[in-house]
Amino acid sequence: MKVTLYQPDIAQNLGAAMRLCACFNVPLGIIEPCGFPLSTKALRRTAMDYGDADTLIRHKSWERFQSSNPGRTVLFTTQAAERLERFEFQPSDHLLFGRESAGVPEDVHASVDSRVIIPLGPDVRSFNLATSVAIGLYEALRQTNGLP
């Protein structure tokens, strides 16, 4: 199981995702460009001592991500029909989360293997990115017996 963030906008969300993935021993990747400077120093400050900035998997583009990641890509999106609790995860899934400001473009939507929604209450747009990663990753690990 891997988590990948598509062009994240907010450094603190990346830091929270780094800490989360470190706690669950799950690799974390990002698809660049980011909406903030992505230096090793900034990553160390953002992730504190929970995530090693050197282990972050960096993909220079969506195309590079696709070519280097065989297996199923599961996009978490508010534009999905399949609810999180009904989706059957596999241990080799790549969990993909879009930008805080814009999600992912249509070509990414069209090319993923599956799209999953985390159910929300009425009159709200979405969860915070780090919260979505925590909810999605936990459910995927729970289903696949991958929890520590």
C-alpha atoms as a PDB file:
ATOM      1  CA  MET A   1       0.000   0.000   0.000  1.00  0.00           C
ATOM      2  CA  LYS A   2       1.233   3.498  -0.840  1.00  0.00           C
ATOM      3  CA  VAL A   3      -0.158   7.006  -0.414  1.00  0.00           C
ATOM      4  CA  THR A   4       0.429   9.685  -3.037  1.00  0.00           C
ATOM      5  CA  LEU A   5      -0.538  13.364  -2.903  1.00  0.00           C
ATOM      6  CA  TYR A   6      -1.226  15.119  -6.206  1.00  0.00           C
ATOM      7  CA  GLN A   7       0.412  18.573  -6.260  1.00  0.00           C
ATOM      8  CA  PRO A   8      -0.310  19.480  -2.624  1.00  0.00           C
ATOM      9  CA  ASP A   9      -0.863  23.184  -1.876  1.00  0.00           C
ATOM     10  CA  ILE A  10      -0.214  23.317   1.875  1.00  0.00           C
ATOM     11  CA  ALA A  11       3.080  22.247   3.448  1.00  0.00           C
ATOM     12  CA  GLN A  12       1.469  21.466   6.800  1.00  0.00           C
ATOM     13  CA  ASN A  13      -0.828  18.901   5.168  1.00  0.00           C
ATOM     14  CA  LEU A  14       2.173  17.206   3.592  1.00  0.00           C
ATOM     15  CA  GLY A  15       3.861  17.187   7.000  1.00  0.00           C
ATOM     16  CA  ALA A  16       0.795  15.635   8.620  1.00  0.00           C
ATOM     17  CA  ALA A  17       0.648  12.996   5.871  1.00  0.00           C
ATOM     18  CA  MET A  18       4.361  12.265   6.347  1.00  0.00           C
ATOM     19  CA  ARG A  19       3.814  11.707  10.072  1.00  0.00           C
ATOM     20  CA  LEU A  20       0.743   9.559   9.432  1.00  0.00           C
ATOM     21  CA  CYS A  21       2.507   7.370   6.871  1.00  0.00           C
ATOM     22  CA  ALA A  22       5.547   7.031   9.134  1.00  0.00           C
ATOM     23  CA  CYS A  23       3.298   5.838  11.974  1.00  0.00           C
ATOM     24  CA  PHE A  24       1.720   3.193   9.729  1.00  0.00           C
ATOM     25  CA  ASN A  25       4.991   2.357   7.915  1.00  0.00           C
ATOM     26  CA  VAL A  26       3.442   3.218   4.535  1.00  0.00           C
ATOM     27  CA  PRO A  27       5.448   4.885   1.744  1.00  0.00           C
ATOM     28  CA  LEU A  28       4.374   8.414   0.806  1.00  0.00           C
ATOM     29  CA  GLY A  29       4.817  10.026  -2.585  1.00  0.00           C
ATOM     30  CA  ILE A  30       4.003  13.380  -4.096  1.00  0.00           C
ATOM     31  CA  ILE A  31       3.315  14.346  -7.662  1.00  0.00           C
ATOM     32  CA  GLU A  32       4.934  17.694  -8.358  1.00  0.00           C
ATOM     33  CA  PRO A  33       4.791  20.627  -8.651  1.00  0.00           C
ATOM     34  CA  CYS A  34       3.731  21.638  -5.156  1.00  0.00           C
ATOM     35  CA  GLY A  35       2.203  24.917  -4.085  1.00  0.00           C
ATOM     36  CA  PHE A  36       5.144  25.595  -1.734  1.00  0.00           C
ATOM     37  CA  PRO A  37       8.943  25.216  -1.821  1.00  0.00           C
ATOM     38  CA  LEU A  38       9.820  21.547  -1.492  1.00  0.00           C
ATOM     39  CA  SER A  39      13.278  21.626   0.048  1.00  0.00           C
ATOM     40  CA  THR A  40      14.728  18.999   2.366  1.00  0.00           C
ATOM     41  CA  LYS A  41      15.007  21.619   5.130  1.00  0.00           C
ATOM     42  CA  ALA A  42      11.346  22.628   4.771  1.00  0.00           C
ATOM     43  CA  LEU A  43      10.247  18.964   4.763  1.00  0.00           C
ATOM     44  CA  ARG A  44      12.209  18.199   7.917  1.00  0.00           C
ATOM     45  CA  ARG A  45      10.655  21.193   9.661  1.00  0.00           C
ATOM     46  CA  THR A  46       7.144  20.280   8.476  1.00  0.00           C
ATOM     47  CA  ALA A  47       7.321  16.573   9.336  1.00  0.00           C
ATOM     48  CA  MET A  48       9.314  17.111  12.545  1.00  0.00           C
ATOM     49  CA  ASP A  49      10.882  13.849  13.658  1.00  0.00           C
ATOM     50  CA  TYR A  50       8.073  11.624  12.370  1.00  0.00           C
ATOM     51  CA  GLY A  51       8.943  11.456   8.709  1.00  0.00           C
ATOM     52  CA  ASP A  52      12.266  11.237   6.956  1.00  0.00           C
ATOM     53  CA  ALA A  53      12.308  13.783   4.144  1.00  0.00           C
ATOM     54  CA  ASP A  54      14.757  11.561   2.263  1.00  0.00           C
ATOM     55  CA  THR A  55      12.205   8.735   2.008  1.00  0.00           C
ATOM     56  CA  LEU A  56       9.529  10.874   0.328  1.00  0.00           C
ATOM     57  CA  ILE A  57       8.957   9.508  -3.177  1.00  0.00           C
ATOM     58  CA  ARG A  58       8.931  12.427  -5.606  1.00  0.00           C
ATOM     59  CA  HIS A  59       7.306  12.185  -9.040  1.00  0.00           C
ATOM     60  CA  LYS A  60       7.963  15.071 -11.421  1.00  0.00           C
ATOM     61  CA  SER A  61       4.599  14.657 -13.175  1.00  0.00           C
ATOM     62  CA  TRP A  62       1.436  12.576 -13.392  1.00  0.00           C
ATOM     63  CA  GLU A  63       2.897  10.735 -16.386  1.00  0.00           C
ATOM     64  CA  ARG A  64       6.037   9.820 -14.431  1.00  0.00           C
ATOM     65  CA  PHE A  65       3.909   8.576 -11.541  1.00  0.00           C
ATOM     66  CA  GLN A  66       1.891   6.364 -13.892  1.00  0.00           C
ATOM     67  CA  SER A  67       4.959   4.894 -15.580  1.00  0.00           C
ATOM     68  CA  SER A  68       6.691   4.082 -12.284  1.00  0.00           C
ATOM     69  CA  ASN A  69       3.704   2.657 -10.396  1.00  0.00           C
ATOM     70  CA  PRO A  70       2.212  -0.506 -11.779  1.00  0.00           C
ATOM     71  CA  GLY A  71      -0.835  -1.667  -9.942  1.00  0.00           C
ATOM     72  CA  ARG A  72      -4.162  -0.157  -9.078  1.00  0.00           C
ATOM     73  CA  THR A  73      -4.541   3.569  -8.385  1.00  0.00           C
ATOM     74  CA  VAL A  74      -7.476   4.490  -6.157  1.00  0.00           C
ATOM     75  CA  LEU A  75      -8.434   8.168  -6.235  1.00  0.00           C
ATOM     76  CA  PHE A  76     -10.178   9.685  -3.232  1.00  0.00           C
ATOM     77  CA  THR A  77     -12.522  12.350  -4.577  1.00  0.00           C
ATOM     78  CA  THR A  78     -15.799  14.088  -3.866  1.00  0.00           C
ATOM     79  CA  GLN A  79     -16.739  13.229  -7.465  1.00  0.00           C
ATOM     80  CA  ALA A  80     -16.892   9.478  -6.901  1.00  0.00           C
ATOM     81  CA  ALA A  81     -19.815   7.107  -6.779  1.00  0.00           C
ATOM     82  CA  GLU A  82     -18.259   4.312  -4.689  1.00  0.00           C
ATOM     83  CA  ARG A  83     -18.425   4.905  -0.951  1.00  0.00           C
ATOM     84  CA  LEU A  84     -15.309   4.236   1.140  1.00  0.00           C
ATOM     85  CA  GLU A  85     -16.880   1.566   3.331  1.00  0.00           C
ATOM     86  CA  ARG A  86     -18.147  -0.389   0.299  1.00  0.00           C
ATOM     87  CA  PHE A  87     -14.889  -0.361  -1.648  1.00  0.00           C
ATOM     88  CA  GLU A  88     -12.648  -3.450  -1.475  1.00  0.00           C
ATOM     89  CA  PHE A  89      -9.015  -2.417  -1.079  1.00  0.00           C
ATOM     90  CA  GLN A  90      -6.036  -4.560  -2.059  1.00  0.00           C
ATOM     91  CA  PRO A  91      -2.657  -4.548  -0.268  1.00  0.00           C
ATOM     92  CA  SER A  92      -0.892  -3.262  -3.397  1.00  0.00           C
ATOM     93  CA  ASP A  93      -3.186  -0.245  -3.934  1.00  0.00           C
ATOM     94  CA  HIS A  94      -1.838   3.254  -4.497  1.00  0.00           C
ATOM     95  CA  LEU A  95      -4.113   5.676  -2.630  1.00  0.00           C
ATOM     96  CA  LEU A  96      -4.190   9.007  -4.487  1.00  0.00           C
ATOM     97  CA  PHE A  97      -5.391  12.300  -2.978  1.00  0.00           C
ATOM     98  CA  GLY A  98      -5.851  15.539  -4.942  1.00  0.00           C
ATOM     99  CA  ARG A  99      -4.876  19.141  -4.320  1.00  0.00           C
ATOM    100  CA  GLU A 100      -6.544  21.007  -1.503  1.00  0.00           C
ATOM    101  CA  SER A 101      -7.632  23.789  -3.866  1.00  0.00           C
ATOM    102  CA  ALA A 102      -8.681  21.867  -6.962  1.00  0.00           C
ATOM    103  CA  GLY A 103      -8.566  18.092  -6.559  1.00  0.00           C
ATOM    104  CA  VAL A 104      -7.159  16.478  -9.709  1.00  0.00           C
ATOM    105  CA  PRO A 105      -7.722  17.349 -13.383  1.00  0.00           C
ATOM    106  CA  GLU A 106     -10.123  15.399 -15.583  1.00  0.00           C
ATOM    107  CA  ASP A 107      -7.346  13.424 -17.312  1.00  0.00           C
ATOM    108  CA  VAL A 108      -6.278  12.045 -13.923  1.00  0.00           C
ATOM    109  CA  HIS A 109      -9.900  11.208 -13.037  1.00  0.00           C
ATOM    110  CA  ALA A 110     -10.227   9.385 -16.337  1.00  0.00           C
ATOM    111  CA  SER A 111      -7.051   7.350 -15.981  1.00  0.00           C
ATOM    112  CA  VAL A 112      -7.288   5.989 -12.419  1.00  0.00           C
ATOM    113  CA  ASP A 113      -8.563   2.490 -11.765  1.00  0.00           C
ATOM    114  CA  SER A 114     -11.117   3.397  -9.090  1.00  0.00           C
ATOM    115  CA  ARG A 115     -12.652   6.475  -7.469  1.00  0.00           C
ATOM    116  CA  VAL A 116     -13.784   6.468  -3.856  1.00  0.00           C
ATOM    117  CA  ILE A 117     -15.684   9.024  -1.789  1.00  0.00           C
ATOM    118  CA  ILE A 118     -15.544   9.497   1.966  1.00  0.00           C
ATOM    119  CA  PRO A 119     -19.176  10.207   2.891  1.00  0.00           C
ATOM    120  CA  LEU A 120     -19.842  13.727   4.184  1.00  0.00           C
ATOM    121  CA  GLY A 121     -22.677  15.467   5.916  1.00  0.00           C
ATOM    122  CA  PRO A 122     -24.932  17.816   3.951  1.00  0.00           C
ATOM    123  CA  ASP A 123     -23.804  21.336   3.034  1.00  0.00           C
ATOM    124  CA  VAL A 124     -20.055  20.687   3.368  1.00  0.00           C
ATOM    125  CA  ARG A 125     -17.492  20.523   0.583  1.00  0.00           C
ATOM    126  CA  SER A 126     -14.772  18.199   1.802  1.00  0.00           C
ATOM    127  CA  PHE A 127     -12.465  17.130   4.609  1.00  0.00           C
ATOM    128  CA  ASN A 128      -9.019  18.613   5.117  1.00  0.00           C
ATOM    129  CA  LEU A 129      -6.468  16.723   3.002  1.00  0.00           C
ATOM    130  CA  ALA A 130      -4.607  15.265   5.984  1.00  0.00           C
ATOM    131  CA  THR A 131      -7.897  14.120   7.515  1.00  0.00           C
ATOM    132  CA  SER A 132      -8.912  12.449   4.253  1.00  0.00           C
ATOM    133  CA  VAL A 133      -5.574  10.642   4.062  1.00  0.00           C
ATOM    134  CA  ALA A 134      -5.981   9.420   7.651  1.00  0.00           C
ATOM    135  CA  ILE A 135      -9.528   8.151   7.095  1.00  0.00           C
ATOM    136  CA  GLY A 136      -8.760   6.522   3.733  1.00  0.00           C
ATOM    137  CA  LEU A 137      -5.467   4.932   4.733  1.00  0.00           C
ATOM    138  CA  TYR A 138      -6.842   3.557   7.978  1.00  0.00           C
ATOM    139  CA  GLU A 139      -9.791   1.915   6.220  1.00  0.00           C
ATOM    140  CA  ALA A 140      -7.559   0.471   3.498  1.00  0.00           C
ATOM    141  CA  LEU A 141      -5.112  -0.953   6.060  1.00  0.00           C
ATOM    142  CA  ARG A 142      -7.960  -2.265   8.230  1.00  0.00           C
ATOM    143  CA  GLN A 143      -9.495  -4.123   5.297  1.00  0.00           C
ATOM    144  CA  THR A 144      -6.189  -5.629   4.148  1.00  0.00           C
ATOM    145  CA  ASN A 145      -4.950  -6.565   7.629  1.00  0.00           C
ATOM    146  CA  GLY A 146      -2.102  -4.110   7.205  1.00  0.00           C
ATOM    147  CA  LEU A 147      -2.427  -2.297  10.536  1.00  0.00           C
ATOM    148  CA  PRO A 148       0.653  -2.429  12.764  1.00  0.00           C
END
